[in-house]
Amino acid sequence: MLSEKFEEIVQRRRSNRRFDPNFIVADEIIKKSLQRAILSPNSSNMQLWEFYWIKSEEAKQRFHALCLGQSAAKDTQHLVVFVTRKDLWASRAKWNLERIKEGIKGEPNKMEKRGLDYYGKLMPLLYRQDPFGLFTLVRKCLCLWMGLRKPFMRFGGEADQRVMAHKSCALAAQTFMLSIAAEGLESCPMEGFDAVRVKKELGLPKGAEINMIISVGKGTEEGVWGKRFRLPYEEVVFTR
C-alpha cells in the first residue's frame, strides 16, 4: 500500500552526519529530488526560493569550511543550499499573472478575475516595501480594522514576509530529503553555517537569505547519533 511505502520512507529518513566517501551518488538522483522539491506546497504559489546545487570538489571543500567544519559537510557527495528570495516577489507575482492570462479564452470568468486581482493587486499589497514604511503601516491598519469585524490574516511588516518565505522554503527542503530517502540514500540538514560568507560565495543579493544547507550521500552507521526519540504523542497533539 502507498501508506506503507510512505511510512517506510519517513522511518528511513534520518540525519546522517558521516558519509561513505567512496560511494558515488548519481547526479540524476539529485536532479530528480530537486524537481520533486519544486512541486512542494508554498504560499500563494509565489515560489520565493532558489536551490543551489554544490557538487564540484573545490566548491564542496569551501562549503565544508563555511559549514563550520561539520562532519556532515566533509565527505558529502552533494550539497544543496536552500535560499529564500522574498525580494523576487514582483517577478514571481508577474509570472503567476501571466500563467493565468495564458489560460483565459475570451472574457475572464469569476475565478480567473479573482486570480488576476490576487496576483495583480493583493500580492503587491502584501509584499511591497518603501523606505518610509508606509506600506507596512497601511497593512497593519488594514489588518487591525478588518480584524475587528471578522477573522483576518494578520500581516504587517517585513518580518511576516520573511517568515512566510522561510516556511515555504522549508517545505521544499523536507520534500527533497524525503525524496533522497526514497532513493535509498541519506541526507543531513544543517543550520550551522556562516550565512554572510555563504551568500558571498553564491553571489546572492542582500534580499536573499539562507534557509538551510543539506548534505547528501551514502550514510554510515557511525553517522547516526543514537536512537531517534521524540516527545510522546500526547504531549504535542491536542484535540479540540
Protein backbone atom coordinates (compact mmCIF):
# COMPACT_ATOMS: atom_id res chain seq x y z
CA MET A 1 0.00 0.00 0.00
CA LEU A 2 1.06 3.57 -0.63
CA SER A 3 0.74 4.50 3.03
CA GLU A 4 3.08 1.66 4.00
CA LYS A 5 5.65 2.83 1.46
CA PHE A 6 5.44 6.36 2.79
CA GLU A 7 5.77 5.09 6.35
CA GLU A 8 8.93 3.25 5.31
CA ILE A 9 10.38 6.42 3.76
CA VAL A 10 9.59 8.55 6.83
CA GLN A 11 11.07 5.96 9.18
CA ARG A 12 14.13 5.58 6.99
CA ARG A 13 14.91 9.30 6.83
CA ARG A 14 17.48 10.08 9.49
CA SER A 15 20.01 12.87 9.70
CA ASN A 16 23.27 11.12 8.86
CA ARG A 17 26.46 13.03 9.62
CA ARG A 18 29.09 10.72 8.18
CA PHE A 19 29.01 9.54 4.59
CA ASP A 20 30.86 6.84 2.69
CA PRO A 21 33.45 8.82 0.69
CA ASN A 22 33.76 6.02 -1.89
CA PHE A 23 30.07 5.81 -2.76
CA ILE A 24 29.14 7.88 -5.81
CA VAL A 25 25.70 9.46 -5.79
CA ALA A 26 24.45 9.92 -9.35
CA ASP A 27 23.60 13.45 -10.45
CA GLU A 28 20.26 12.16 -11.69
CA ILE A 29 19.14 11.42 -8.13
CA ILE A 30 19.81 15.00 -7.02
CA LYS A 31 18.14 16.42 -10.13
CA LYS A 32 15.07 14.22 -9.62
CA SER A 33 14.85 15.19 -5.95
CA LEU A 34 15.13 18.89 -6.78
CA GLN A 35 12.38 18.51 -9.37
CA ARG A 36 10.22 16.96 -6.66
CA ALA A 37 11.13 19.77 -4.25
CA ILE A 38 9.86 22.32 -6.78
CA LEU A 39 6.44 20.64 -6.54
CA SER A 40 6.24 21.40 -2.82
CA PRO A 41 3.34 23.45 -1.46
CA ASN A 42 4.21 27.09 -0.97
CA SER A 43 2.46 30.33 -0.09
CA SER A 44 0.29 31.58 -2.98
CA ASN A 45 2.47 29.65 -5.45
CA MET A 46 4.93 32.56 -5.25
CA GLN A 47 7.85 30.11 -5.09
CA LEU A 48 10.12 32.59 -3.34
CA TRP A 49 13.01 30.15 -3.28
CA GLU A 50 16.15 29.13 -5.12
CA PHE A 51 18.17 25.92 -4.75
CA TYR A 52 21.95 25.94 -5.25
CA TRP A 53 23.43 22.54 -6.08
CA ILE A 54 27.05 22.28 -4.93
CA LYS A 55 28.83 19.28 -6.46
CA SER A 56 32.35 20.21 -7.58
CA GLU A 57 35.13 19.07 -5.23
CA GLU A 58 36.54 22.58 -4.97
CA ALA A 59 33.19 24.09 -4.03
CA LYS A 60 32.44 21.32 -1.54
CA GLN A 61 35.75 21.94 0.20
CA ARG A 62 34.94 25.62 0.53
CA PHE A 63 31.48 24.84 1.87
CA HIS A 64 32.91 22.43 4.43
CA ALA A 65 34.64 25.44 5.99
CA LEU A 66 31.55 27.63 5.58
CA CYS A 67 29.55 24.95 7.42
CA LEU A 68 31.95 25.36 10.35
CA GLY A 69 33.80 22.12 9.67
CA GLN A 70 30.79 19.91 10.40
CA SER A 71 31.29 16.22 9.69
CA ALA A 72 28.04 16.20 7.69
CA ALA A 73 29.69 18.53 5.15
CA LYS A 74 33.01 16.67 4.94
CA ASP A 75 32.52 13.53 2.84
CA THR A 76 29.20 14.54 1.27
CA GLN A 77 28.70 13.77 -2.40
CA HIS A 78 26.43 16.75 -2.91
CA LEU A 79 25.27 19.83 -1.05
CA VAL A 80 22.13 21.80 -1.75
CA VAL A 81 21.68 25.31 -0.37
CA PHE A 82 18.04 26.30 0.10
CA VAL A 83 17.62 30.04 -0.30
CA THR A 84 14.63 32.33 0.27
CA ARG A 85 14.07 35.12 -2.24
CA LYS A 86 11.27 37.33 -0.97
CA ASP A 87 12.97 40.12 -2.90
CA LEU A 88 11.74 38.43 -6.10
CA TRP A 89 8.08 38.80 -5.17
CA ALA A 90 7.30 41.20 -8.04
CA SER A 91 8.70 38.95 -10.78
CA ARG A 92 7.10 35.83 -9.28
CA ALA A 93 3.72 37.58 -8.98
CA LYS A 94 4.05 38.66 -12.62
CA TRP A 95 4.90 35.08 -13.63
CA ASN A 96 1.73 33.77 -11.96
CA LEU A 97 -0.30 36.57 -13.55
CA GLU A 98 0.98 35.62 -16.99
CA ARG A 99 0.07 31.97 -16.45
CA ILE A 100 -3.50 32.98 -15.62
CA LYS A 101 -3.74 35.28 -18.65
CA GLU A 102 -2.49 32.48 -20.91
CA GLY A 103 -5.44 30.32 -19.87
CA ILE A 104 -8.13 32.95 -20.43
CA LYS A 105 -10.22 32.45 -23.56
CA GLY A 106 -12.36 35.50 -24.21
CA GLU A 107 -13.93 37.26 -21.24
CA PRO A 108 -12.41 36.10 -17.92
CA ASN A 109 -14.75 34.16 -15.63
CA LYS A 110 -15.21 34.78 -11.93
CA MET A 111 -12.32 32.51 -10.89
CA GLU A 112 -9.99 34.00 -13.48
CA LYS A 113 -10.86 37.54 -12.35
CA ARG A 114 -10.06 36.55 -8.77
CA GLY A 115 -6.70 35.21 -9.93
CA LEU A 116 -5.92 38.42 -11.83
CA ASP A 117 -6.78 40.52 -8.78
CA TYR A 118 -4.89 38.17 -6.47
CA TYR A 119 -1.55 38.50 -8.25
CA GLY A 120 -2.11 41.93 -9.75
CA LYS A 121 -3.37 43.71 -6.62
CA LEU A 122 -3.16 41.60 -3.46
CA MET A 123 0.43 40.38 -3.83
CA PRO A 124 1.77 43.93 -4.32
CA LEU A 125 -0.19 44.98 -1.24
CA LEU A 126 1.31 42.12 0.79
CA TYR A 127 4.91 42.39 -0.33
CA ARG A 128 5.67 45.95 -1.43
CA GLN A 129 8.06 47.91 0.79
CA ASP A 130 9.14 51.54 0.82
CA PRO A 131 11.90 53.44 2.67
CA PHE A 132 9.41 55.17 4.98
CA GLY A 133 7.42 52.08 5.99
CA LEU A 134 4.16 53.46 4.61
CA PHE A 135 3.08 50.15 3.08
CA THR A 136 3.77 48.38 6.35
CA LEU A 137 1.61 50.95 8.16
CA VAL A 138 -1.20 50.52 5.62
CA ARG A 139 -1.10 46.73 6.01
CA LYS A 140 -1.14 46.91 9.80
CA CYS A 141 -4.03 49.39 9.85
CA LEU A 142 -5.98 47.28 7.35
CA CYS A 143 -5.44 44.11 9.39
CA LEU A 144 -6.45 45.89 12.60
CA TRP A 145 -9.61 47.34 11.06
CA MET A 146 -10.70 44.17 9.27
CA GLY A 147 -9.80 42.04 12.29
CA LEU A 148 -12.30 43.93 14.44
CA ARG A 149 -15.20 42.58 12.41
CA LYS A 150 -14.13 39.06 11.43
CA PRO A 151 -11.17 36.65 11.41
CA PHE A 152 -8.50 38.19 9.22
CA MET A 153 -4.92 37.38 8.31
CA ARG A 154 -2.59 39.50 10.48
CA PHE A 155 0.14 40.50 8.07
CA GLY A 156 2.21 43.60 8.54
CA GLY A 157 5.89 44.18 8.07
CA GLU A 158 8.98 42.59 6.64
CA ALA A 159 9.23 40.04 9.46
CA ASP A 160 5.93 38.47 8.36
CA GLN A 161 7.19 38.28 4.78
CA ARG A 162 10.41 36.61 5.89
CA VAL A 163 8.57 34.03 7.99
CA MET A 164 6.27 33.14 5.10
CA ALA A 165 9.15 32.74 2.66
CA HIS A 166 11.13 30.55 5.07
CA LYS A 167 8.14 28.31 5.80
CA SER A 168 7.65 27.65 2.09
CA CYS A 169 11.36 27.03 1.52
CA ALA A 170 11.49 24.59 4.46
CA LEU A 171 8.63 22.60 2.93
CA ALA A 172 10.70 22.24 -0.25
CA ALA A 173 13.70 21.13 1.80
CA GLN A 174 11.63 18.44 3.52
CA THR A 175 10.35 17.17 0.17
CA PHE A 176 13.95 17.00 -1.04
CA MET A 177 15.07 14.98 1.99
CA LEU A 178 12.16 12.56 1.73
CA SER A 179 12.98 12.08 -1.95
CA ILE A 180 16.60 11.31 -1.08
CA ALA A 181 15.40 8.74 1.47
CA ALA A 182 13.11 7.20 -1.15
CA GLU A 183 16.17 6.77 -3.39
CA GLY A 184 17.87 4.73 -0.65
CA LEU A 185 20.31 7.45 0.41
CA GLU A 186 20.82 9.74 3.37
CA SER A 187 20.85 13.47 3.99
CA CYS A 188 21.54 15.92 6.79
CA PRO A 189 20.01 19.40 7.12
CA MET A 190 22.43 21.93 8.57
CA GLU A 191 21.72 25.26 10.24
CA GLY A 192 25.28 25.72 11.45
CA PHE A 193 26.93 27.86 8.78
CA ASP A 194 28.28 31.34 8.17
CA ALA A 195 25.31 32.88 6.33
CA VAL A 196 27.23 36.01 5.35
CA ARG A 197 30.04 34.07 3.70
CA VAL A 198 27.63 31.57 2.10
CA LYS A 199 25.76 34.43 0.46
CA LYS A 200 29.05 35.90 -0.75
CA GLU A 201 30.19 32.52 -2.11
CA LEU A 202 26.95 32.17 -4.07
CA GLY A 203 26.90 35.79 -5.19
CA LEU A 204 23.49 36.40 -3.63
CA PRO A 205 21.94 39.86 -3.22
CA LYS A 206 21.04 41.48 0.09
CA GLY A 207 17.40 40.38 -0.08
CA ALA A 208 18.26 36.67 -0.25
CA GLU A 209 18.53 34.57 2.92
CA ILE A 210 19.89 31.10 3.59
CA ASN A 211 17.21 28.75 4.83
CA MET A 212 19.34 25.62 5.32
CA ILE A 213 22.08 23.57 3.69
CA ILE A 214 21.50 19.86 3.08
CA SER A 215 24.25 17.33 2.50
CA VAL A 216 23.62 14.08 0.62
CA GLY A 217 25.48 10.78 0.42
CA LYS A 218 25.52 7.14 1.38
CA GLY A 219 25.20 7.21 5.13
CA THR A 220 27.22 5.10 7.54
CA GLU A 221 26.31 3.54 10.89
CA GLU A 222 28.52 5.94 12.82
CA GLY A 223 26.77 8.82 11.06
CA VAL A 224 23.56 8.20 13.01
CA TRP A 225 24.00 9.54 16.52
CA GLY A 226 21.95 7.11 18.53
CA LYS A 227 18.35 6.01 18.56
CA ARG A 228 15.76 8.50 17.37
CA PHE A 229 13.40 9.65 20.11
CA ARG A 230 10.60 12.19 20.15
CA LEU A 231 8.23 13.66 22.72
CA PRO A 232 5.16 11.48 23.35
CA TYR A 233 2.19 11.96 21.02
CA GLU A 234 0.04 13.13 23.95
CA GLU A 235 2.45 16.00 24.75
CA VAL A 236 2.38 17.59 21.32
CA VAL A 237 -1.01 16.69 19.80
CA PHE A 238 -4.14 18.33 21.18
CA THR A 239 -7.72 17.77 20.05
CA ARG A 240 -10.38 20.44 20.38
